[in-house]
Amino acid sequence: MKWGLVKTIIFITIFAFIIQLTFPSLPFAENEDRKQVVENEEQESVGKPDQITITYNDWYQSSVRYAADYLDQTKIPRQVKGLYVTGSTAGIETKFQHLVQLLNETELNSLVIDVKEDSGYVTYQSNVPLVNEVRSDRKTFIKDIDDLLRLAKENNIYTIARIVTFKDPFFAGAKPEYAIQRKTGGVWRDKYGVSWVDHYRKEVWDYNIAIAKEAAEKGFKEIQFDYVRFPANSKKVDREATFNNPENLAKSEVIAAFLAYAKEQLKDYPVYISADVFGLTTTTVDDMGIGQQWELITATVDYISPMMYPSHYANQSYGIPIPDANPYATIKNGLEDAIEKNNKVREQGQNVAIIRPWYQDFTASWVKGHIKYGPKEVLDQIRAGNELGIDQYLIWNAGNVYSEGAWMNQSR
């Protein structure tokens, strides 16, 4: 063997040894083994990306080991600390950039973005055939949702697609045959004049799930179904309205059935499924006449988000004279009941959803005895959850004007 070739081999060996010492977390053999494992997983999991799961730390700390194209097909759990964002806010570049900056400077890491909002409008230009047929994307709050999601991804923001489901006056107007009907004939409307779609219509289910699938394809990491309930004032609704319910399912059964169906339909997409529920579902023993039975929903979805705004609790709830004026105690009592309910469901051998509550960041001026909400009141709610081991949360302000001081002095 020529001496020049020997020197080359020695040099390559020494160089490889130095690299391995310098980057001990990325040994060559391990990378090759992992590459083969990933290839095997991909072959075995064609159409089943939800079977591939890594931790958030894996994803965040090792960009070399986990390539971007692999991550796009992976469900990545997050310890979510997020804010609600309307389509209008998301569509205004300066406002959205401000939220991105806030997340970059604080512990906040997630955004719940309207994909289908309260009036039934889809907030971006959609390719879903039925959306195009009824033109529910005609307003286009978000001009370029792909660019928005790219920006979120570049800033390590976990994006949740909010889909308002059964309160849908637009779709009910465009397809009145799918709306809740009056017993006396015609489309039923609530006391505000808003029409809802029929919870028992599979066409309604598939319409919302088609939008959810498109959101998943665009890169959202979670689908959050809101208004997965029947209209309030149930006794009046039951007197006036009729539903397409040949199987005679109870309200709570059809809500759970929809969420189970949605999860099954979305199983081939790398997204988690979550549901928003009334705050009182953590405590009440029934479905409150709106179909939200905690025990059925928590056993169906990945995350359950009770809307625990203190302003929405009646005076003397949990023995608290004015819940809005005592956010810490209100949240603490409600979450204790939620944990107890989850434990009972788990004891019955069923899986339960992770509890991720909504907290209040607005002043409820209509409540007698209300207090002004700011950083302290927001932090009181977060502290109540943390003390119970619930360290995920979402913050609601309909105008997206948040008490930034609650987070600005904390390290991420």
Protein backbone atom coordinates (compact mmCIF):
# COMPACT_ATOMS: atom_id res chain seq x y z
CA MET A 1 0.00 0.00 0.00
CA LYS A 2 1.38 3.42 -0.95
CA TRP A 3 2.33 5.76 1.86
CA GLY A 4 0.14 8.56 0.45
CA LEU A 5 -2.96 6.35 0.64
CA VAL A 6 -2.07 5.31 4.21
CA LYS A 7 -1.80 8.96 5.23
CA THR A 8 -5.18 9.69 3.67
CA ILE A 9 -6.84 6.85 5.56
CA ILE A 10 -5.22 7.92 8.84
CA PHE A 11 -6.35 11.52 8.25
CA ILE A 12 -9.96 10.51 7.54
CA THR A 13 -10.05 8.27 10.63
CA ILE A 14 -8.70 10.99 12.90
CA PHE A 15 -11.08 13.57 11.39
CA ALA A 16 -14.09 11.29 11.96
CA PHE A 17 -12.98 10.66 15.54
CA ILE A 18 -12.71 14.40 16.22
CA ILE A 19 -16.16 15.07 14.74
CA GLN A 20 -17.67 12.33 16.87
CA LEU A 21 -16.09 13.78 20.01
CA THR A 22 -17.28 17.26 19.07
CA PHE A 23 -20.89 16.14 18.40
CA PRO A 24 -21.49 13.23 20.78
CA SER A 25 -25.28 13.56 20.48
CA LEU A 26 -25.09 12.75 16.77
CA PRO A 27 -22.95 9.60 16.40
CA PHE A 28 -22.60 8.39 12.82
CA ALA A 29 -23.77 4.88 13.56
CA GLU A 30 -26.83 6.17 15.42
CA ASN A 31 -27.73 8.45 12.53
CA GLU A 32 -27.49 5.58 10.06
CA ASP A 33 -29.56 3.39 12.36
CA ARG A 34 -32.14 6.14 12.79
CA LYS A 35 -32.30 6.71 9.05
CA GLN A 36 -33.13 3.05 8.58
CA VAL A 37 -35.69 3.16 11.40
CA VAL A 38 -37.35 6.21 9.87
CA GLU A 39 -37.44 4.54 6.45
CA ASN A 40 -39.02 1.44 7.99
CA GLU A 41 -41.56 3.55 9.89
CA GLU A 42 -42.47 5.44 6.74
CA GLN A 43 -42.96 2.20 4.80
CA GLU A 44 -45.10 0.70 7.57
CA SER A 45 -47.07 3.89 8.21
CA VAL A 46 -48.10 4.95 4.72
CA GLY A 47 -51.18 7.07 5.27
CA LYS A 48 -50.74 6.78 9.05
CA PRO A 49 -48.52 9.68 10.17
CA ASP A 50 -50.28 9.78 13.52
CA GLN A 51 -48.37 6.62 14.45
CA ILE A 52 -45.12 8.62 14.39
CA THR A 53 -44.69 10.54 17.63
CA ILE A 54 -41.67 12.39 19.01
CA THR A 55 -41.43 14.76 21.93
CA TYR A 56 -41.33 18.52 21.59
CA ASN A 57 -37.78 18.57 22.96
CA ASP A 58 -36.68 16.13 20.26
CA TRP A 59 -38.10 18.43 17.63
CA TYR A 60 -36.92 21.74 19.06
CA GLN A 61 -33.41 20.74 20.09
CA SER A 62 -32.26 18.55 17.22
CA SER A 63 -32.92 20.09 13.83
CA VAL A 64 -30.24 17.83 12.29
CA ARG A 65 -31.74 14.55 13.43
CA TYR A 66 -35.34 15.41 12.57
CA ALA A 67 -35.57 16.81 9.07
CA ALA A 68 -38.36 19.28 8.23
CA ASP A 69 -40.07 16.99 5.74
CA TYR A 70 -40.22 14.27 8.40
CA LEU A 71 -41.63 16.68 10.98
CA ASP A 72 -44.41 17.72 8.63
CA GLN A 73 -45.74 14.17 8.91
CA THR A 74 -45.36 13.99 12.67
CA LYS A 75 -47.65 14.77 15.59
CA ILE A 76 -45.65 16.92 17.98
CA PRO A 77 -47.18 17.49 21.44
CA ARG A 78 -46.76 20.93 22.96
CA GLN A 79 -47.22 22.34 26.42
CA VAL A 80 -49.59 24.89 24.96
CA LYS A 81 -49.76 28.45 26.25
CA GLY A 82 -51.74 30.24 23.63
CA LEU A 83 -53.83 33.19 22.51
CA TYR A 84 -56.99 33.37 20.41
CA VAL A 85 -56.69 35.13 17.03
CA THR A 86 -59.60 36.16 14.82
CA GLY A 87 -59.40 35.93 11.06
CA SER A 88 -59.40 39.73 10.91
CA THR A 89 -56.38 40.01 13.20
CA ALA A 90 -54.54 37.22 11.44
CA GLY A 91 -55.15 38.96 8.12
CA ILE A 92 -53.58 42.27 9.19
CA GLU A 93 -49.81 41.90 8.87
CA THR A 94 -48.85 44.43 11.55
CA LYS A 95 -51.20 42.90 14.13
CA PHE A 96 -50.10 39.36 13.43
CA GLN A 97 -46.42 40.34 13.48
CA HIS A 98 -46.98 41.94 16.88
CA LEU A 99 -48.41 38.68 18.22
CA VAL A 100 -45.46 36.76 16.78
CA GLN A 101 -43.09 39.14 18.54
CA LEU A 102 -44.98 38.74 21.81
CA LEU A 103 -44.67 34.96 21.58
CA ASN A 104 -40.97 35.23 20.79
CA GLU A 105 -40.41 37.32 23.92
CA THR A 106 -42.51 35.35 26.41
CA GLU A 107 -43.53 31.86 27.50
CA LEU A 108 -46.47 31.99 25.09
CA ASN A 109 -45.98 29.55 22.23
CA SER A 110 -49.30 28.91 20.47
CA LEU A 111 -52.05 30.64 18.50
CA VAL A 112 -55.65 29.52 18.05
CA ILE A 113 -56.58 30.95 14.65
CA ASP A 114 -60.10 31.17 13.23
CA VAL A 115 -60.39 28.92 10.20
CA LYS A 116 -64.19 28.91 10.23
CA GLU A 117 -65.56 31.71 12.37
CA ASP A 118 -68.75 32.39 14.30
CA SER A 119 -70.81 33.54 11.32
CA GLY A 120 -69.78 30.51 9.31
CA TYR A 121 -67.27 32.19 7.02
CA VAL A 122 -64.11 30.30 6.11
CA THR A 123 -61.35 32.84 6.69
CA TYR A 124 -59.09 32.03 3.71
CA GLN A 125 -59.43 31.01 0.06
CA SER A 126 -60.41 27.35 0.25
CA ASN A 127 -60.31 24.49 -2.25
CA VAL A 128 -63.04 22.48 -0.49
CA PRO A 129 -65.72 21.88 -3.16
CA LEU A 130 -68.70 22.61 -0.91
CA VAL A 131 -67.05 25.76 0.43
CA ASN A 132 -66.62 26.90 -3.17
CA GLU A 133 -70.20 25.95 -4.01
CA VAL A 134 -71.78 28.03 -1.24
CA ARG A 135 -68.95 30.62 -1.30
CA SER A 136 -68.46 30.59 2.45
CA ASP A 137 -64.88 31.82 1.84
CA ARG A 138 -66.07 34.96 0.04
CA LYS A 139 -64.78 37.37 2.71
CA THR A 140 -61.22 36.01 2.80
CA PHE A 141 -60.06 37.58 6.05
CA ILE A 142 -56.62 35.97 5.60
CA LYS A 143 -55.24 36.73 2.14
CA ASP A 144 -52.38 34.22 2.22
CA ILE A 145 -52.82 31.55 4.89
CA ASP A 146 -49.86 29.57 3.56
CA ASP A 147 -47.53 32.51 4.13
CA LEU A 148 -49.03 33.03 7.60
CA LEU A 149 -48.40 29.42 8.56
CA ARG A 150 -44.89 29.62 7.13
CA LEU A 151 -44.19 32.60 9.38
CA ALA A 152 -45.61 30.76 12.38
CA LYS A 153 -43.48 27.72 11.65
CA GLU A 154 -40.33 29.82 11.27
CA ASN A 155 -41.01 31.25 14.73
CA ASN A 156 -41.67 27.87 16.33
CA ILE A 157 -45.35 28.68 16.95
CA TYR A 158 -47.82 25.83 17.46
CA THR A 159 -50.91 26.60 15.37
CA ILE A 160 -54.43 25.47 16.26
CA ALA A 161 -57.26 25.75 13.70
CA ARG A 162 -60.51 26.85 15.35
CA ILE A 163 -63.60 25.59 13.55
CA VAL A 164 -66.97 26.87 14.76
CA THR A 165 -69.12 23.84 14.03
CA PHE A 166 -72.86 23.78 14.65
CA LYS A 167 -73.51 27.49 15.06
CA ASP A 168 -73.30 28.28 11.36
CA PRO A 169 -75.80 30.83 10.06
CA PHE A 170 -74.03 31.09 6.72
CA PHE A 171 -74.25 27.39 5.85
CA ALA A 172 -77.76 27.19 7.30
CA GLY A 173 -78.75 30.00 4.95
CA ALA A 174 -77.02 28.53 1.93
CA LYS A 175 -78.36 25.01 2.61
CA PRO A 176 -81.58 25.49 4.59
CA GLU A 177 -82.36 21.77 4.29
CA TYR A 178 -79.40 21.18 6.65
CA ALA A 179 -80.54 23.75 9.22
CA ILE A 180 -82.46 23.10 12.43
CA GLN A 181 -86.14 23.28 11.49
CA ARG A 182 -89.13 24.75 13.31
CA LYS A 183 -91.85 22.32 14.24
CA THR A 184 -94.30 24.72 12.61
CA GLY A 185 -92.21 24.87 9.43
CA GLY A 186 -89.20 26.83 8.22
CA VAL A 187 -85.72 27.37 9.62
CA TRP A 188 -85.46 27.70 13.40
CA ARG A 189 -83.55 30.67 14.83
CA ASP A 190 -82.33 31.44 18.32
CA LYS A 191 -83.32 34.52 20.32
CA TYR A 192 -80.69 36.55 18.47
CA GLY A 193 -82.10 35.55 15.09
CA VAL A 194 -79.18 33.21 14.36
CA SER A 195 -79.83 29.94 12.56
CA TRP A 196 -77.91 26.78 13.44
CA VAL A 197 -77.19 23.68 11.37
CA ASP A 198 -78.71 20.34 12.30
CA HIS A 199 -76.35 18.39 14.56
CA TYR A 200 -77.70 15.07 13.27
CA ARG A 201 -77.00 15.76 9.58
CA LYS A 202 -73.97 13.84 8.35
CA GLU A 203 -73.67 16.36 5.52
CA VAL A 204 -72.94 18.98 8.18
CA TRP A 205 -70.34 16.73 9.78
CA ASP A 206 -68.57 16.12 6.47
CA TYR A 207 -68.60 19.82 5.55
CA ASN A 208 -66.75 20.77 8.75
CA ILE A 209 -64.38 17.83 8.54
CA ALA A 210 -63.47 18.69 4.95
CA ILE A 211 -62.40 22.13 6.19
CA ALA A 212 -60.48 20.49 9.04
CA LYS A 213 -58.64 18.22 6.60
CA GLU A 214 -57.64 21.19 4.47
CA ALA A 215 -56.37 23.02 7.56
CA ALA A 216 -54.30 19.95 8.46
CA GLU A 217 -52.90 19.75 4.95
CA LYS A 218 -51.87 23.39 5.14
CA GLY A 219 -49.85 22.76 8.28
CA PHE A 220 -52.00 23.39 11.34
CA LYS A 221 -50.93 21.06 14.13
CA GLU A 222 -54.29 20.81 15.87
CA ILE A 223 -57.98 21.04 14.99
CA GLN A 224 -60.15 22.66 17.63
CA PHE A 225 -63.92 22.23 17.29
CA ASP A 226 -65.88 25.02 18.95
CA TYR A 227 -69.66 25.28 19.34
CA VAL A 228 -69.84 21.51 19.45
CA ARG A 229 -73.11 21.87 21.30
CA PHE A 230 -76.79 22.59 20.91
CA PRO A 231 -78.23 26.08 21.37
CA ALA A 232 -78.69 27.32 24.93
CA ASN A 233 -82.08 27.66 26.61
CA SER A 234 -82.72 24.01 25.84
CA LYS A 235 -86.32 23.80 27.08
CA LYS A 236 -87.41 26.52 24.68
CA VAL A 237 -85.38 24.95 21.86
CA ASP A 238 -86.98 21.56 22.46
CA ARG A 239 -90.46 23.09 22.33
CA GLU A 240 -89.81 24.90 19.06
CA ALA A 241 -87.28 22.90 17.04
CA THR A 242 -87.11 19.57 15.31
CA PHE A 243 -84.07 17.61 14.18
CA ASN A 244 -83.32 14.95 11.58
CA ASN A 245 -82.81 12.23 14.22
CA PRO A 246 -84.16 8.88 12.96
CA GLU A 247 -81.96 6.93 15.41
CA ASN A 248 -83.35 8.93 18.34
CA LEU A 249 -79.89 9.75 19.72
CA ALA A 250 -79.63 11.94 22.80
CA LYS A 251 -77.93 15.31 22.38
CA SER A 252 -74.87 14.18 24.31
CA GLU A 253 -74.62 11.04 22.20
CA VAL A 254 -74.62 12.88 18.88
CA ILE A 255 -72.00 15.40 20.04
CA ALA A 256 -69.71 12.58 21.17
CA ALA A 257 -70.46 10.68 17.95
CA PHE A 258 -69.48 13.68 15.81
CA LEU A 259 -66.17 14.13 17.66
CA ALA A 260 -65.39 10.42 17.41
CA TYR A 261 -66.18 10.52 13.69
CA ALA A 262 -63.99 13.60 13.22
CA LYS A 263 -61.08 11.96 15.00
CA GLU A 264 -61.45 8.83 12.86
CA GLN A 265 -61.63 10.88 9.65
CA LEU A 266 -58.52 12.85 10.62
CA LYS A 267 -56.45 9.92 11.86
CA ASP A 268 -54.29 9.96 8.73
CA TYR A 269 -53.27 13.57 9.33
CA PRO A 270 -50.58 14.70 11.79
CA VAL A 271 -52.98 16.71 13.95
CA TYR A 272 -54.47 16.48 17.41
CA ILE A 273 -58.21 16.92 18.01
CA SER A 274 -59.59 19.22 20.69
CA ALA A 275 -63.02 20.44 21.73
CA ASP A 276 -64.22 23.57 23.52
CA VAL A 277 -66.87 23.03 26.18
CA PHE A 278 -68.78 25.24 28.61
CA GLY A 279 -66.93 25.91 31.85
CA LEU A 280 -69.71 24.41 33.94
CA THR A 281 -69.31 21.03 32.24
CA THR A 282 -66.49 20.40 34.70
CA THR A 283 -69.01 20.43 37.56
CA THR A 284 -72.52 19.61 36.34
CA VAL A 285 -73.73 16.00 36.34
CA ASP A 286 -75.70 16.25 33.09
CA ASP A 287 -75.21 17.75 29.64
CA MET A 288 -76.98 21.01 30.62
CA GLY A 289 -79.40 20.43 27.76
CA ILE A 290 -76.75 21.40 25.18
CA GLY A 291 -75.22 17.97 24.61
CA GLN A 292 -71.89 18.58 26.34
CA GLN A 293 -71.33 15.67 28.71
CA TRP A 294 -67.77 15.90 30.06
CA GLU A 295 -67.38 12.16 30.52
CA LEU A 296 -68.27 11.41 26.89
CA ILE A 297 -66.18 14.17 25.33
CA THR A 298 -63.01 13.66 27.38
CA ALA A 299 -62.94 10.00 26.34
CA THR A 300 -63.09 11.00 22.67
CA VAL A 301 -60.68 13.88 21.97
CA ASP A 302 -56.99 14.57 22.65
CA TYR A 303 -57.53 17.88 24.45
CA ILE A 304 -60.61 19.25 26.21
CA SER A 305 -60.85 23.00 26.78
CA PRO A 306 -63.46 24.20 29.28
CA MET A 307 -64.21 27.90 28.74
CA MET A 308 -63.74 28.88 32.36
CA TYR A 309 -64.26 32.62 32.14
CA PRO A 310 -65.12 33.74 35.70
CA SER A 311 -67.59 36.26 34.29
CA HIS A 312 -69.71 33.40 32.95
CA TYR A 313 -70.41 31.84 36.35
CA ALA A 314 -73.52 32.84 38.30
CA ASN A 315 -73.10 34.56 41.64
CA GLN A 316 -72.54 32.10 44.51
CA SER A 317 -71.11 29.45 42.17
CA TYR A 318 -68.75 27.36 44.33
CA GLY A 319 -69.88 29.57 47.22
CA ILE A 320 -68.13 32.58 45.68
CA PRO A 321 -70.28 35.76 45.92
CA ILE A 322 -69.10 37.19 42.58
CA PRO A 323 -66.96 34.70 40.59
CA ASP A 324 -65.83 37.40 38.16
CA ALA A 325 -64.27 39.28 41.08
CA ASN A 326 -62.37 36.19 42.28
CA PRO A 327 -60.75 34.55 39.26
CA TYR A 328 -58.27 32.45 41.25
CA ALA A 329 -60.91 30.69 43.39
CA THR A 330 -63.31 30.25 40.48
CA ILE A 331 -60.73 28.54 38.30
CA LYS A 332 -59.39 26.45 41.19
CA ASN A 333 -62.82 25.06 42.06
CA GLY A 334 -63.80 24.35 38.47
CA LEU A 335 -60.56 22.59 37.60
CA GLU A 336 -60.65 20.46 40.74
CA ASP A 337 -63.98 19.11 39.51
CA ALA A 338 -62.57 18.56 36.02
CA ILE A 339 -59.67 16.54 37.40
CA GLU A 340 -62.04 14.47 39.51
CA LYS A 341 -64.22 13.70 36.50
CA ASN A 342 -61.21 12.71 34.41
CA ASN A 343 -59.99 10.43 37.17
CA LYS A 344 -63.33 8.64 37.33
CA VAL A 345 -63.37 8.09 33.57
CA ARG A 346 -59.80 6.78 33.73
CA GLU A 347 -60.73 4.39 36.53
CA GLN A 348 -63.31 2.90 34.16
CA GLY A 349 -60.49 1.92 31.81
CA GLN A 350 -60.95 4.71 29.27
CA ASN A 351 -58.46 7.22 27.95
CA VAL A 352 -59.07 10.83 28.90
CA ALA A 353 -58.22 14.11 27.19
CA ILE A 354 -55.59 16.48 28.50
CA ILE A 355 -57.29 19.39 30.25
CA ARG A 356 -56.36 22.70 28.65
CA PRO A 357 -58.66 25.47 29.95
CA TRP A 358 -59.60 28.80 28.43
CA TYR A 359 -58.98 31.76 30.73
CA GLN A 360 -60.48 35.25 30.67
CA ASP A 361 -58.57 38.34 29.56
CA PHE A 362 -61.41 40.84 29.19
CA THR A 363 -63.42 43.03 31.53
CA ALA A 364 -67.03 41.87 31.85
CA SER A 365 -68.62 45.28 32.36
CA TRP A 366 -72.12 43.76 32.16
CA VAL A 367 -71.57 41.77 35.37
CA LYS A 368 -72.72 43.54 38.54
CA GLY A 369 -69.75 43.71 40.88
CA HIS A 370 -67.25 42.92 38.12
CA ILE A 371 -63.60 43.89 38.34
CA LYS A 372 -61.24 45.21 35.69
CA TYR A 373 -59.10 42.45 34.21
CA GLY A 374 -55.41 42.92 33.56
CA PRO A 375 -52.10 41.10 34.10
CA LYS A 376 -52.81 40.22 37.74
CA GLU A 377 -56.19 38.64 37.02
CA VAL A 378 -54.78 36.66 34.11
CA LEU A 379 -51.88 35.41 36.22
CA ASP A 380 -54.26 34.49 39.06
CA GLN A 381 -56.08 32.12 36.70
CA ILE A 382 -52.85 30.64 35.38
CA ARG A 383 -51.58 30.17 38.94
CA ALA A 384 -54.76 28.33 39.95
CA GLY A 385 -54.24 25.85 37.12
CA ASN A 386 -50.53 25.45 37.78
CA GLU A 387 -51.13 24.60 41.43
CA LEU A 388 -53.30 21.70 40.28
CA GLY A 389 -50.75 20.46 37.76
CA ILE A 390 -52.56 21.96 34.76
CA ASP A 391 -49.83 23.95 33.07
CA GLN A 392 -51.44 24.42 29.67
CA TYR A 393 -53.90 27.20 28.93
CA LEU A 394 -55.54 29.34 26.26
CA ILE A 395 -56.39 33.03 26.69
CA TRP A 396 -59.55 34.60 25.27
CA ASN A 397 -60.14 38.19 24.28
CA ALA A 398 -62.59 38.63 21.40
CA GLY A 399 -60.74 41.72 20.16
CA ASN A 400 -57.32 40.09 20.58
CA VAL A 401 -56.11 42.90 22.86
CA TYR A 402 -54.20 41.06 25.56
CA SER A 403 -52.71 41.96 28.94
CA GLU A 404 -49.14 41.57 27.72
CA GLY A 405 -47.70 42.49 31.09
CA ALA A 406 -48.82 39.10 32.38
CA TRP A 407 -46.02 37.49 30.35
CA MET A 408 -43.47 40.16 29.46
CA ASN A 409 -41.58 39.81 32.74
CA GLN A 410 -41.32 36.04 32.51
CA SER A 411 -38.66 34.05 30.70
CA ARG A 412 -39.87 31.59 28.09
